[in-house]
């Protein structure tokens, strides 16, 4: 039984979510192969070969995969996936875009966002915004799976010595093209991998007030997130959204400021090790999951906390 893991990368380095997916794949059991598809992605392939537990790295280096367009990448993965028992990818934006197409091309059902591996065909995944856990058994000959990264430890980046094999297959669906991207630049840690996250909600009042949280985050070495309400109100960009329709995080410390705690938001952060909530509404649902609760005006409490650090 061999397992194909789809690597996420920027053509030079692997993204952290790939390492979590490798850990999940290793729990399934079997020989692990990692697919690196891109353009000029030799450095990423070399990094992939060093990942502990990976026995082979498949490299598809072609302009068609330069930006990992789902329309092109899914055809490649489906072609290669026919020779594997499992095809696994992180449940990131890219994974959620590519893997349903792969499942359709292979004519199998997809297992989405798994959080635990019980056997090679039985997995756990959250449903009802994480309020229940479903145990799902797949009888398909090929299991197409996306993995919730926060549920698995990252595999070691070094210690492996996988062989590297070139893949000649080129798939250009011709129905999409990369036009451009606007990438937010920040000196703070990436939201999904940060050990500390400070998030603001509707209670922040406006986008300018997020400067209070940014100052606190800088002292804590934290990433800054937001609730959907804050994003929908236009306070901050949507790449900061934490929740069921945003990013799933599980840091060591999560500080929720002015966030009521709607189910949609809790689904994205309730696996955090320690949750601190600051809200002036003592009936706010966030307090039901918080380890430490402070009923106070955030515009007084946060500056005071910042001053103490």
Protein backbone atom coordinates (compact mmCIF):
# COMPACT_ATOMS: atom_id res chain seq x y z
CA UNK A 1 0.00 0.00 0.00
CA UNK A 2 1.48 3.32 -1.10
CA UNK A 3 0.20 6.78 -0.20
CA UNK A 4 0.57 9.93 -2.27
CA UNK A 5 0.76 13.23 -0.35
CA UNK A 6 0.33 16.47 -2.29
CA UNK A 7 2.93 19.02 -1.17
CA UNK A 8 2.09 22.69 -0.85
CA UNK A 9 5.01 24.98 -1.58
CA UNK A 10 6.10 28.26 -3.12
CA UNK A 11 8.53 26.55 -5.54
CA UNK A 12 11.38 27.04 -3.08
CA UNK A 13 10.17 25.92 0.35
CA UNK A 14 7.51 23.58 1.67
CA UNK A 15 4.56 25.04 3.54
CA UNK A 16 4.01 23.83 7.07
CA UNK A 17 0.64 22.23 6.34
CA UNK A 18 2.43 19.64 4.19
CA UNK A 19 4.27 18.32 7.24
CA UNK A 20 1.00 17.83 9.12
CA UNK A 21 -0.42 15.93 6.16
CA UNK A 22 2.67 13.68 6.12
CA UNK A 23 2.06 12.81 9.77
CA UNK A 24 -1.56 11.90 9.03
CA UNK A 25 -0.44 9.76 6.08
CA UNK A 26 2.13 7.97 8.24
CA UNK A 27 -0.64 6.99 10.66
CA UNK A 28 -2.53 5.34 7.80
CA UNK A 29 0.50 3.12 7.24
CA UNK A 30 2.34 2.33 4.05
CA UNK A 31 5.04 3.77 1.84
CA UNK A 32 4.83 7.57 1.58
CA UNK A 33 5.42 9.43 -1.66
CA UNK A 34 5.34 13.23 -1.86
CA UNK A 35 4.30 15.06 -5.04
CA UNK A 36 5.93 18.44 -5.69
CA UNK A 37 4.32 20.09 -8.73
CA UNK A 38 5.48 23.55 -9.80
CA UNK A 39 7.91 25.44 -12.00
CA UNK A 40 11.54 25.77 -10.99
CA UNK A 41 10.64 23.82 -7.87
CA UNK A 42 13.93 21.99 -7.41
CA UNK A 43 14.58 23.57 -4.02
CA UNK A 44 11.15 22.54 -2.77
CA UNK A 45 11.78 19.00 -4.00
CA UNK A 46 15.10 18.87 -2.16
CA UNK A 47 13.36 20.02 1.02
CA UNK A 48 10.67 17.38 0.49
CA UNK A 49 13.29 14.66 0.20
CA UNK A 50 14.54 15.53 3.69
CA UNK A 51 11.14 15.11 5.37
CA UNK A 52 11.17 12.20 7.80
CA UNK A 53 9.08 9.23 6.71
CA UNK A 54 8.96 10.06 2.99
CA UNK A 55 10.49 7.38 0.75
CA UNK A 56 10.05 8.99 -2.67
CA UNK A 57 9.52 12.50 -4.04
CA UNK A 58 7.80 12.91 -7.40
CA UNK A 59 8.66 16.17 -9.14
CA UNK A 60 6.47 17.63 -11.89
CA UNK A 61 8.39 20.71 -13.03
CA UNK A 62 6.51 22.51 -15.77
CA UNK A 63 5.05 25.93 -16.50
CA UNK A 64 1.56 24.37 -16.38
CA UNK A 65 2.02 23.87 -12.63
CA UNK A 66 3.77 27.17 -11.89
CA UNK A 67 0.93 28.51 -9.75
CA UNK A 68 -0.65 25.15 -8.93
CA UNK A 69 -3.89 25.97 -10.71
CA UNK A 70 -6.51 23.46 -9.57
CA UNK A 71 -7.68 22.74 -13.11
CA UNK A 72 -4.20 21.57 -14.13
CA UNK A 73 -2.94 20.08 -10.89
CA UNK A 74 -6.04 17.94 -10.33
CA UNK A 75 -5.55 16.18 -13.68
CA UNK A 76 -1.95 15.37 -12.77
CA UNK A 77 -2.90 14.09 -9.31
CA UNK A 78 -5.73 11.98 -10.71
CA UNK A 79 -3.39 10.38 -13.25
CA UNK A 80 -0.79 9.54 -10.62
CA UNK A 81 -3.37 8.69 -7.96
CA UNK A 82 -4.60 5.62 -9.85
CA UNK A 83 -1.51 3.78 -8.61
CA UNK A 84 -2.05 4.62 -4.93
CA UNK A 85 -4.39 3.47 -2.18
CA UNK A 86 -4.64 6.95 -0.66
CA UNK A 87 -4.22 10.48 -2.01
CA UNK A 88 -3.83 13.02 0.79
CA UNK A 89 -3.55 16.81 0.89
CA UNK A 90 -3.79 19.50 3.57
CA UNK A 91 -7.28 20.99 4.02
CA UNK A 92 -6.06 24.44 3.01
CA UNK A 93 -7.50 26.72 0.35
CA UNK A 94 -5.43 24.93 -2.28
CA UNK A 95 -6.30 21.47 -1.02
CA UNK A 96 -10.00 22.27 -0.88
CA UNK A 97 -9.79 23.52 -4.46
CA UNK A 98 -7.85 20.60 -5.92
CA UNK A 99 -8.99 17.47 -4.11
CA UNK A 100 -12.74 17.49 -4.94
CA UNK A 101 -11.73 17.64 -8.62
CA UNK A 102 -9.36 14.71 -8.07
CA UNK A 103 -12.11 12.68 -6.38
CA UNK A 104 -14.48 13.40 -9.27
CA UNK A 105 -11.89 12.39 -11.87
CA UNK A 106 -11.22 9.14 -9.98
CA UNK A 107 -14.98 8.58 -9.44
CA UNK A 108 -14.66 8.19 -5.67
CA UNK A 109 -16.00 10.05 -2.65
CA UNK A 110 -13.79 12.51 -0.82
CA UNK A 111 -13.11 12.38 2.92
CA UNK A 112 -12.78 16.01 4.00
CA UNK A 113 -10.97 17.64 6.88
CA UNK A 114 -10.09 14.50 8.84
CA UNK A 115 -8.86 14.94 12.41
CA UNK A 116 -7.93 11.36 13.33
CA UNK A 117 -6.96 8.09 11.66
CA UNK A 118 -8.50 4.91 13.07
CA UNK A 119 -7.39 2.54 10.30
CA UNK A 120 -6.49 2.63 6.64
CA UNK A 121 -10.17 3.06 5.70
CA UNK A 122 -11.73 4.62 8.82
CA UNK A 123 -11.28 8.24 9.85
CA UNK A 124 -12.77 10.90 12.10
CA UNK A 125 -13.93 14.31 10.90
CA UNK A 126 -15.86 17.17 12.53
CA UNK A 127 -19.44 17.93 11.53
CA UNK A 128 -21.98 20.55 12.66
CA UNK A 129 -19.25 23.20 12.99
CA UNK A 130 -17.18 20.86 15.15
CA UNK A 131 -19.96 20.16 17.65
CA UNK A 132 -19.94 16.47 16.71
CA UNK A 133 -17.30 14.08 15.41
CA UNK A 134 -18.28 11.61 12.70
CA UNK A 135 -16.43 8.32 12.23
CA UNK A 136 -16.43 7.57 8.50
CA UNK A 137 -15.48 4.34 6.75
CA UNK A 138 -14.61 4.42 3.07
CA UNK A 139 -15.00 1.39 0.81
CA UNK A 140 -13.60 3.15 -2.26
CA UNK A 141 -10.49 1.56 -3.80
CA UNK A 142 -8.71 4.94 -3.64
CA UNK A 143 -9.21 7.19 -0.64
CA UNK A 144 -9.05 10.91 -1.48
CA UNK A 145 -8.51 12.79 1.76
CA UNK A 146 -7.92 16.29 3.06
CA UNK A 147 -6.32 16.71 6.48
CA UNK A 148 -7.00 19.33 9.14
CA UNK A 149 -3.44 20.39 9.94
CA UNK A 150 -4.13 21.49 13.51
CA UNK A 151 -5.17 17.94 14.43
CA UNK A 152 -1.76 16.40 13.62
CA UNK A 153 1.77 17.21 14.71
CA UNK A 154 4.17 18.32 11.99
CA UNK A 155 6.55 15.71 10.63
CA UNK A 156 10.25 16.39 11.11
CA UNK A 157 11.69 18.53 8.30
CA UNK A 158 14.97 16.65 8.39
CA UNK A 159 16.07 13.08 8.86
CA UNK A 160 14.68 11.67 5.64
CA UNK A 161 16.58 10.58 2.54
CA UNK A 162 13.92 10.06 -0.11
CA UNK A 163 14.73 9.36 -3.73
CA UNK A 164 13.70 12.02 -6.24
CA UNK A 165 11.94 11.05 -9.46
CA UNK A 166 10.86 13.32 -12.30
CA UNK A 167 7.30 13.15 -13.61
CA UNK A 168 6.96 13.90 -17.33
CA UNK A 169 3.16 14.21 -17.45
CA UNK A 170 1.97 17.68 -18.41
CA UNK A 171 -1.66 18.68 -18.03
CA UNK A 172 -2.84 22.09 -19.15
CA UNK A 173 -6.60 22.13 -19.05
CA UNK A 174 -6.63 25.42 -20.95
CA UNK A 175 -9.67 26.71 -19.06
CA UNK A 176 -7.93 28.96 -16.54
CA UNK A 177 -4.90 31.21 -16.38
CA UNK A 178 -2.99 32.89 -13.60
CA UNK A 179 -3.53 36.65 -13.76
CA UNK A 180 -1.91 37.97 -10.60
CA UNK A 181 -1.92 37.93 -6.83
CA UNK A 182 -1.82 40.42 -4.00
CA UNK A 183 0.00 38.92 -1.05
CA UNK A 184 -0.23 40.60 2.34
CA UNK A 185 3.25 41.14 3.76
CA UNK A 186 3.78 40.99 7.51
CA UNK A 187 6.63 40.51 9.94
CA UNK A 188 4.27 38.64 12.24
CA UNK A 189 3.94 34.83 12.20
CA UNK A 190 1.55 33.20 9.75
CA UNK A 191 -1.90 32.89 11.30
CA UNK A 192 -2.26 29.12 10.89
CA UNK A 193 1.17 28.31 12.34
CA UNK A 194 1.55 30.97 15.07
CA UNK A 195 1.94 29.80 18.68
CA UNK A 196 0.02 32.85 19.88
CA UNK A 197 -2.97 34.46 18.16
CA UNK A 198 -4.73 37.69 19.13
CA UNK A 199 -8.11 38.10 17.42
CA UNK A 200 -10.62 40.93 17.37
CA UNK A 201 -14.32 40.94 16.68
CA UNK A 202 -17.19 43.30 16.05
CA UNK A 203 -16.54 44.85 19.46
CA UNK A 204 -13.40 46.51 18.06
CA UNK A 205 -15.71 49.10 16.51
CA UNK A 206 -13.62 49.83 13.42
CA UNK A 207 -10.47 48.85 11.58
CA UNK A 208 -8.33 51.61 13.13
CA UNK A 209 -8.87 50.11 16.58
CA UNK A 210 -7.14 46.91 15.49
CA UNK A 211 -3.92 48.88 16.07
CA UNK A 212 -4.46 48.17 19.77
CA UNK A 213 -4.34 44.43 19.07
CA UNK A 214 -1.38 44.77 16.72
CA UNK A 215 0.63 46.48 19.43
CA UNK A 216 -0.20 43.68 21.88
CA UNK A 217 0.58 41.04 19.25
CA UNK A 218 3.99 42.55 18.55
CA UNK A 219 4.91 42.21 22.22
CA UNK A 220 3.71 38.60 22.32
CA UNK A 221 5.21 37.61 18.96
CA UNK A 222 1.67 36.76 17.91
CA UNK A 223 -0.38 36.67 14.73
CA UNK A 224 -3.49 38.86 14.45
CA UNK A 225 -6.81 37.33 13.50
CA UNK A 226 -10.43 38.41 13.33
CA UNK A 227 -13.96 37.08 13.53
CA UNK A 228 -16.19 36.88 10.47
CA UNK A 229 -18.26 39.78 11.85
CA UNK A 230 -15.16 42.01 11.85
CA UNK A 231 -14.24 40.94 8.32
CA UNK A 232 -17.77 41.37 6.98
CA UNK A 233 -17.89 44.84 8.53
CA UNK A 234 -14.78 45.76 6.55
CA UNK A 235 -12.56 46.28 9.59
CA UNK A 236 -9.80 43.97 8.29
CA UNK A 237 -9.11 41.86 5.15
CA UNK A 238 -10.60 38.38 4.90
CA UNK A 239 -7.22 36.63 5.06
CA UNK A 240 -7.32 37.40 8.78
CA UNK A 241 -10.59 35.56 9.36
CA UNK A 242 -10.58 32.72 11.88
CA UNK A 243 -13.52 30.33 11.80
CA UNK A 244 -15.38 27.66 9.90
CA UNK A 245 -15.32 29.72 6.70
CA UNK A 246 -11.90 31.20 7.47
CA UNK A 247 -8.71 29.70 8.86
CA UNK A 248 -8.55 26.91 11.43
CA UNK A 249 -6.02 27.64 14.18
CA UNK A 250 -4.90 25.79 17.30
CA UNK A 251 -2.18 27.91 18.92
CA UNK A 252 -0.82 27.48 22.42
CA UNK A 253 -2.52 30.75 23.37
CA UNK A 254 -5.59 32.34 21.75
CA UNK A 255 -6.74 35.75 22.94
CA UNK A 256 -10.26 36.68 21.79
CA UNK A 257 -11.00 40.39 22.14
CA UNK A 258 -14.49 41.76 21.55
CA UNK A 259 -15.61 38.45 20.03
CA UNK A 260 -19.01 37.12 21.07
CA UNK A 261 -18.18 33.53 20.17
CA UNK A 262 -20.58 32.50 17.42
CA UNK A 263 -20.48 28.80 16.50
CA UNK A 264 -18.81 29.69 13.18
CA UNK A 265 -15.89 31.30 15.01
CA UNK A 266 -15.57 28.67 17.72
CA UNK A 267 -15.21 25.99 15.05
CA UNK A 268 -11.97 27.65 13.95
CA UNK A 269 -10.23 28.13 17.30
CA UNK A 270 -11.67 25.99 20.08
CA UNK A 271 -8.82 23.46 19.82
CA UNK A 272 -6.40 26.13 21.07
CA UNK A 273 -4.45 25.01 24.15
CA UNK A 274 -5.35 28.07 26.26
CA UNK A 275 -8.17 30.47 25.39
CA UNK A 276 -8.42 33.95 26.93
CA UNK A 277 -11.58 35.97 26.30
CA UNK A 278 -12.12 39.70 26.90
CA UNK A 279 -15.67 40.93 26.42
CA UNK A 280 -17.92 43.37 28.26
CA UNK A 281 -20.95 41.10 27.77
CA UNK A 282 -20.84 38.52 30.56
CA UNK A 283 -23.33 36.36 28.64
CA UNK A 284 -21.10 36.09 25.55
CA UNK A 285 -20.86 32.45 24.33
CA UNK A 286 -17.06 32.78 24.08
CA UNK A 287 -16.87 32.48 27.86
CA UNK A 288 -18.20 28.92 27.66
CA UNK A 289 -15.02 27.71 25.97
CA UNK A 290 -12.53 30.18 27.49
CA UNK A 291 -9.97 29.02 30.05
CA UNK A 292 -9.62 32.59 31.34
CA UNK A 293 -12.45 35.12 31.08
CA UNK A 294 -12.38 38.85 31.68
CA UNK A 295 -15.63 40.82 31.67
CA UNK A 296 -14.37 44.30 30.87
CA UNK A 297 -14.25 47.08 28.30
CA UNK A 298 -11.60 45.99 25.81
CA UNK A 299 -10.48 49.59 25.29
CA UNK A 300 -9.43 49.67 28.93
CA UNK A 301 -8.34 46.07 29.43
CA UNK A 302 -6.12 45.61 26.37
CA UNK A 303 -4.01 48.79 26.87
CA UNK A 304 -3.61 47.82 30.54
CA UNK A 305 -2.51 44.33 29.57
CA UNK A 306 -0.12 45.79 27.03
CA UNK A 307 1.36 48.08 29.67
CA UNK A 308 2.00 45.13 31.99
CA UNK A 309 3.96 43.19 29.40
